[in-house]
Amino acid sequence: MIEWFTYLQIAVAVIAGLIAIVRGLAGKPPSDLVLGALGVVELLLIVQLVIAIVAPLTGNEASGSVLEFYVYLISAMLLPIAAGFWALIERSRWSTVILGVAALSVAVMLYRMLQIWTVQGV
């Protein structure tokens, strides 16, 4: 993992999550803004997957469990997709809140992935 890129991802996920939760609690159904923000979060996760595959080849190896890292990464990649499908099926204010919760969950998972990659003892 690249530390600065991970913090960028966390910032984008938190901003997307807060936008979605505020709009959802204001009674707004899912919009292009919220779904687009979650799309950006998903795109950054795909880039993170590529980085995680290439990084060990360049000497940047995980210090923790590689299996645990990839379980977090794949799970984080599935969250925005699942929340997006939910939002498209049930177009209510609560599905907008769910999109926000999914984005904030991705932010927490990214922080944990950074810990697994850099902080764990071997």
Foldseek 3Di string as FASTA:
>chain_A
DDVVLLVVLLVLLLVLLVVLQVCLVVKAWDDCSSLVSLVVSLVSLVVVVVCQVCVVVVVQFAQADPVVLVVLSVVLNVLSVVLVVVSVVDGTSVSSNSSSVSSNVSSVSSVVSVCRRPPDHD
